[in-house]
C-alpha cells in the first residue's frame, strides 16, 4: 500500500487553500468587472496540487461551471497530478 508522507498531505492542504482563495478572488473579480485571473493560472494551481481546493471552489462558488473546456482542463490536471504522485510514491521517490 502507498503511504504518502505527512508533508505531502500538508502540501496538498496548503495548495488547496491557495487554489480555493484564488478561485474565490477570480469569482469576485468577475462579479465586479475587475481584472481576472487567467484560466491557465487556475489550471496550473490544480496541476501543482491545489486541485482538491479548485474542485471544491468550482462547486461551492459555482465558478466556471458552464465552461466545458475549462472543466476538462481542470480534470486533466487532476488526473496528471494524481498519476505523477502515485508514480513517485510507487517508486519510493517521495517519502
N, C-alpha and C. Protein backbone atom coordinates (compact mmCIF):
# COMPACT_ATOMS: atom_id res chain seq x y z
N UNK A 1 0.84 -1.19 0.00
CA UNK A 1 0.00 0.00 0.00
C UNK A 1 0.88 1.24 0.00
N UNK A 2 0.44 2.27 -0.72
CA UNK A 2 1.18 3.52 -0.80
C UNK A 2 0.81 4.42 0.37
N UNK A 3 1.82 4.90 1.08
CA UNK A 3 1.58 5.79 2.21
C UNK A 3 2.31 7.11 1.98
N UNK A 4 1.57 8.17 1.69
CA UNK A 4 2.24 9.46 1.49
C UNK A 4 2.78 10.00 2.81
N UNK A 5 3.90 10.67 2.74
CA UNK A 5 4.50 11.30 3.91
C UNK A 5 3.59 12.43 4.39
N UNK A 6 3.64 12.72 5.69
CA UNK A 6 2.79 13.81 6.22
C UNK A 6 3.02 15.16 5.53
N UNK A 7 4.25 15.42 5.10
CA UNK A 7 4.50 16.71 4.45
C UNK A 7 3.76 16.82 3.12
N UNK A 8 3.54 15.68 2.46
CA UNK A 8 2.80 15.69 1.19
C UNK A 8 1.35 16.09 1.45
N UNK A 9 0.77 15.52 2.49
CA UNK A 9 -0.60 15.89 2.84
C UNK A 9 -0.70 17.37 3.19
N UNK A 10 0.29 17.86 3.93
CA UNK A 10 0.33 19.28 4.27
C UNK A 10 0.45 20.16 3.04
N UNK A 11 1.28 19.73 2.10
CA UNK A 11 1.45 20.48 0.86
C UNK A 11 0.13 20.57 0.11
N UNK A 12 -0.57 19.44 -0.01
CA UNK A 12 -1.86 19.44 -0.71
C UNK A 12 -2.88 20.32 0.01
N UNK A 13 -2.85 20.33 1.33
CA UNK A 13 -3.77 21.17 2.10
C UNK A 13 -3.50 22.65 1.84
N UNK A 14 -2.24 23.04 1.88
CA UNK A 14 -1.88 24.44 1.64
C UNK A 14 -2.18 24.83 0.18
N UNK A 15 -1.79 23.97 -0.76
CA UNK A 15 -2.04 24.25 -2.18
C UNK A 15 -3.53 24.36 -2.45
N UNK A 16 -4.33 23.54 -1.80
CA UNK A 16 -5.78 23.58 -1.97
C UNK A 16 -6.37 24.87 -1.41
N UNK A 17 -5.87 25.29 -0.26
CA UNK A 17 -6.35 26.55 0.33
C UNK A 17 -6.01 27.74 -0.58
N UNK A 18 -4.80 27.72 -1.13
CA UNK A 18 -4.40 28.79 -2.06
C UNK A 18 -5.28 28.76 -3.30
N UNK A 19 -5.49 27.58 -3.85
CA UNK A 19 -6.33 27.47 -5.06
C UNK A 19 -7.74 27.96 -4.78
N UNK A 20 -8.32 27.55 -3.65
CA UNK A 20 -9.67 27.99 -3.32
C UNK A 20 -9.72 29.51 -3.22
N UNK A 21 -8.73 30.09 -2.56
CA UNK A 21 -8.68 31.55 -2.40
C UNK A 21 -8.57 32.26 -3.74
N UNK A 22 -7.75 31.74 -4.64
CA UNK A 22 -7.59 32.36 -5.96
C UNK A 22 -8.88 32.23 -6.77
N UNK A 23 -9.52 31.07 -6.72
CA UNK A 23 -10.80 30.91 -7.41
C UNK A 23 -11.85 31.87 -6.84
N UNK A 24 -11.88 32.02 -5.52
CA UNK A 24 -12.83 32.94 -4.89
C UNK A 24 -12.55 34.38 -5.33
N UNK A 25 -11.27 34.75 -5.37
CA UNK A 25 -10.91 36.10 -5.81
C UNK A 25 -11.30 36.31 -7.27
N UNK A 26 -11.12 35.30 -8.09
CA UNK A 26 -11.49 35.41 -9.50
C UNK A 26 -13.00 35.54 -9.65
N UNK A 27 -13.76 34.79 -8.86
CA UNK A 27 -15.22 34.90 -8.91
C UNK A 27 -15.65 36.31 -8.51
N UNK A 28 -15.02 36.84 -7.45
CA UNK A 28 -15.33 38.20 -7.01
C UNK A 28 -14.99 39.22 -8.09
N UNK A 29 -13.83 39.03 -8.73
CA UNK A 29 -13.43 39.95 -9.80
C UNK A 29 -14.39 39.88 -10.97
N UNK A 30 -14.87 38.68 -11.27
CA UNK A 30 -15.83 38.51 -12.37
C UNK A 30 -17.12 39.28 -12.08
N UNK A 31 -17.59 39.17 -10.87
CA UNK A 31 -18.83 39.86 -10.50
C UNK A 31 -18.67 41.38 -10.51
N UNK A 32 -17.47 41.84 -10.12
CA UNK A 32 -17.24 43.28 -10.00
C UNK A 32 -16.69 43.90 -11.29
N UNK A 33 -16.43 43.09 -12.30
CA UNK A 33 -15.90 43.61 -13.55
C UNK A 33 -14.44 44.02 -13.45
N UNK A 34 -13.71 43.42 -12.51
CA UNK A 34 -12.28 43.73 -12.34
C UNK A 34 -11.43 42.75 -13.14
N UNK A 35 -10.13 43.00 -13.12
CA UNK A 35 -9.18 42.14 -13.82
C UNK A 35 -9.26 40.73 -13.26
N UNK A 36 -9.28 39.74 -14.17
CA UNK A 36 -9.47 38.33 -13.82
C UNK A 36 -8.15 37.58 -13.76
N UNK A 37 -8.18 36.46 -13.07
CA UNK A 37 -7.06 35.54 -13.05
C UNK A 37 -7.11 34.72 -14.34
N UNK A 38 -5.99 34.63 -15.06
CA UNK A 38 -6.00 33.84 -16.30
C UNK A 38 -6.37 32.38 -16.02
N UNK A 39 -7.13 31.78 -16.94
CA UNK A 39 -7.52 30.38 -16.77
C UNK A 39 -6.32 29.47 -16.67
N UNK A 40 -5.25 29.77 -17.39
CA UNK A 40 -4.05 28.94 -17.32
C UNK A 40 -3.49 28.91 -15.90
N UNK A 41 -3.58 30.03 -15.19
CA UNK A 41 -3.12 30.09 -13.80
C UNK A 41 -3.98 29.20 -12.92
N UNK A 42 -5.28 29.26 -13.13
CA UNK A 42 -6.19 28.42 -12.34
C UNK A 42 -5.91 26.94 -12.57
N UNK A 43 -5.67 26.57 -13.82
CA UNK A 43 -5.37 25.17 -14.14
C UNK A 43 -4.02 24.77 -13.54
N UNK A 44 -3.04 25.65 -13.63
CA UNK A 44 -1.71 25.37 -13.07
C UNK A 44 -1.80 25.13 -11.56
N UNK A 45 -2.63 25.88 -10.87
CA UNK A 45 -2.81 25.66 -9.44
C UNK A 45 -3.29 24.24 -9.16
N UNK A 46 -4.19 23.76 -9.99
CA UNK A 46 -4.65 22.37 -9.84
C UNK A 46 -3.56 21.38 -10.15
N UNK A 47 -2.79 21.66 -11.17
CA UNK A 47 -1.74 20.74 -11.60
C UNK A 47 -0.67 20.55 -10.54
N UNK A 48 -0.36 21.60 -9.80
CA UNK A 48 0.71 21.51 -8.80
C UNK A 48 0.21 21.01 -7.45
N UNK A 49 -1.05 20.63 -7.35
CA UNK A 49 -1.52 20.02 -6.12
C UNK A 49 -2.72 20.69 -5.49
N UNK A 50 -3.15 21.81 -6.04
CA UNK A 50 -4.29 22.51 -5.47
C UNK A 50 -5.63 22.07 -6.00
N UNK A 51 -5.64 20.96 -6.74
CA UNK A 51 -6.88 20.51 -7.36
C UNK A 51 -8.00 20.21 -6.37
N UNK A 52 -7.75 19.69 -5.16
CA UNK A 52 -8.90 19.48 -4.27
C UNK A 52 -9.61 20.80 -3.95
N UNK A 53 -8.84 21.84 -3.65
CA UNK A 53 -9.43 23.15 -3.37
C UNK A 53 -10.10 23.74 -4.60
N UNK A 54 -9.50 23.50 -5.77
CA UNK A 54 -10.09 24.01 -7.01
C UNK A 54 -11.43 23.35 -7.28
N UNK A 55 -11.51 22.03 -7.09
CA UNK A 55 -12.78 21.33 -7.32
C UNK A 55 -13.84 21.79 -6.33
N UNK A 56 -13.45 21.99 -5.08
CA UNK A 56 -14.41 22.48 -4.08
C UNK A 56 -14.88 23.88 -4.46
N UNK A 57 -13.95 24.73 -4.90
CA UNK A 57 -14.31 26.11 -5.28
C UNK A 57 -15.26 26.13 -6.47
N UNK A 58 -14.99 25.30 -7.46
CA UNK A 58 -15.87 25.25 -8.64
C UNK A 58 -17.30 24.93 -8.22
N UNK A 59 -17.44 23.95 -7.35
CA UNK A 59 -18.79 23.55 -6.92
C UNK A 59 -19.40 24.52 -5.92
N UNK A 60 -18.65 24.88 -4.89
CA UNK A 60 -19.20 25.73 -3.83
C UNK A 60 -19.50 27.15 -4.31
N UNK A 61 -18.63 27.67 -5.17
CA UNK A 61 -18.80 29.04 -5.66
C UNK A 61 -19.56 29.10 -6.97
N UNK A 62 -19.82 27.92 -7.57
CA UNK A 62 -20.46 27.85 -8.88
C UNK A 62 -19.66 28.69 -9.88
N UNK A 63 -18.36 28.50 -9.86
CA UNK A 63 -17.45 29.29 -10.68
C UNK A 63 -16.95 28.46 -11.86
N UNK A 64 -17.17 28.96 -13.05
CA UNK A 64 -16.74 28.35 -14.31
C UNK A 64 -17.41 27.00 -14.57
N UNK A 65 -18.58 26.81 -14.03
CA UNK A 65 -19.27 25.53 -14.20
C UNK A 65 -19.84 25.32 -15.60
N UNK A 66 -19.96 26.39 -16.36
CA UNK A 66 -20.52 26.27 -17.71
C UNK A 66 -19.45 26.25 -18.80
N UNK A 67 -18.19 26.32 -18.40
CA UNK A 67 -17.09 26.34 -19.37
C UNK A 67 -16.51 24.93 -19.50
N UNK A 68 -17.05 24.18 -20.46
CA UNK A 68 -16.68 22.78 -20.63
C UNK A 68 -15.17 22.61 -20.87
N UNK A 69 -14.60 23.47 -21.67
CA UNK A 69 -13.17 23.37 -21.96
C UNK A 69 -12.33 23.57 -20.71
N UNK A 70 -12.72 24.53 -19.90
CA UNK A 70 -12.00 24.77 -18.65
C UNK A 70 -12.13 23.57 -17.72
N UNK A 71 -13.34 23.05 -17.58
CA UNK A 71 -13.56 21.91 -16.69
C UNK A 71 -12.78 20.68 -17.16
N UNK A 72 -12.72 20.47 -18.46
CA UNK A 72 -11.94 19.35 -19.00
C UNK A 72 -10.46 19.52 -18.66
N UNK A 73 -9.96 20.74 -18.80
CA UNK A 73 -8.55 21.01 -18.47
C UNK A 73 -8.31 20.83 -16.97
N UNK A 74 -9.25 21.25 -16.15
CA UNK A 74 -9.12 21.09 -14.71
C UNK A 74 -9.06 19.60 -14.35
N UNK A 75 -9.97 18.81 -14.93
CA UNK A 75 -9.96 17.37 -14.64
C UNK A 75 -8.70 16.69 -15.18
N UNK A 76 -8.19 17.17 -16.29
CA UNK A 76 -6.94 16.64 -16.81
C UNK A 76 -5.80 16.94 -15.84
N UNK A 77 -5.81 18.13 -15.25
CA UNK A 77 -4.78 18.47 -14.26
C UNK A 77 -4.88 17.56 -13.04
N UNK A 78 -6.09 17.19 -12.65
CA UNK A 78 -6.29 16.27 -11.53
C UNK A 78 -5.67 14.92 -11.86
N UNK A 79 -6.02 14.39 -13.02
CA UNK A 79 -5.52 13.08 -13.44
C UNK A 79 -4.00 13.07 -13.53
N UNK A 80 -3.44 14.10 -14.14
CA UNK A 80 -1.97 14.17 -14.27
C UNK A 80 -1.30 14.28 -12.91
N UNK A 81 -1.82 15.12 -12.03
CA UNK A 81 -1.23 15.29 -10.71
C UNK A 81 -1.26 13.98 -9.93
N UNK A 82 -2.41 13.33 -9.92
CA UNK A 82 -2.54 12.08 -9.17
C UNK A 82 -1.65 11.00 -9.78
N UNK A 83 -1.57 10.93 -11.09
CA UNK A 83 -0.73 9.93 -11.75
C UNK A 83 0.75 10.13 -11.38
N UNK A 84 1.20 11.37 -11.39
CA UNK A 84 2.60 11.64 -11.02
C UNK A 84 2.84 11.31 -9.55
N UNK A 85 1.92 11.68 -8.69
CA UNK A 85 2.07 11.39 -7.26
C UNK A 85 2.13 9.88 -7.02
N UNK A 86 1.22 9.15 -7.63
CA UNK A 86 1.21 7.69 -7.46
C UNK A 86 2.50 7.08 -7.99
N UNK A 87 2.96 7.53 -9.14
CA UNK A 87 4.21 7.01 -9.71
C UNK A 87 5.38 7.28 -8.77
N UNK A 88 5.45 8.48 -8.21
CA UNK A 88 6.53 8.82 -7.29
C UNK A 88 6.46 8.00 -6.02
N UNK A 89 5.26 7.83 -5.49
CA UNK A 89 5.09 7.02 -4.29
C UNK A 89 5.44 5.56 -4.56
N UNK A 90 4.99 5.06 -5.70
CA UNK A 90 5.25 3.68 -6.07
C UNK A 90 6.75 3.41 -6.21
N UNK A 91 7.46 4.38 -6.79
CA UNK A 91 8.90 4.24 -6.99
C UNK A 91 9.69 4.52 -5.71
N UNK A 92 9.00 5.00 -4.70
CA UNK A 92 9.69 5.32 -3.44
C UNK A 92 10.48 6.59 -3.49
N UNK A 93 10.21 7.44 -4.48
CA UNK A 93 10.94 8.70 -4.63
C UNK A 93 10.46 9.78 -3.67
N UNK A 94 9.28 9.62 -3.12
CA UNK A 94 8.72 10.63 -2.22
C UNK A 94 8.49 9.95 -0.88
N UNK A 95 9.12 10.49 0.13
CA UNK A 95 8.88 9.93 1.48
C UNK A 95 8.97 11.00 2.52
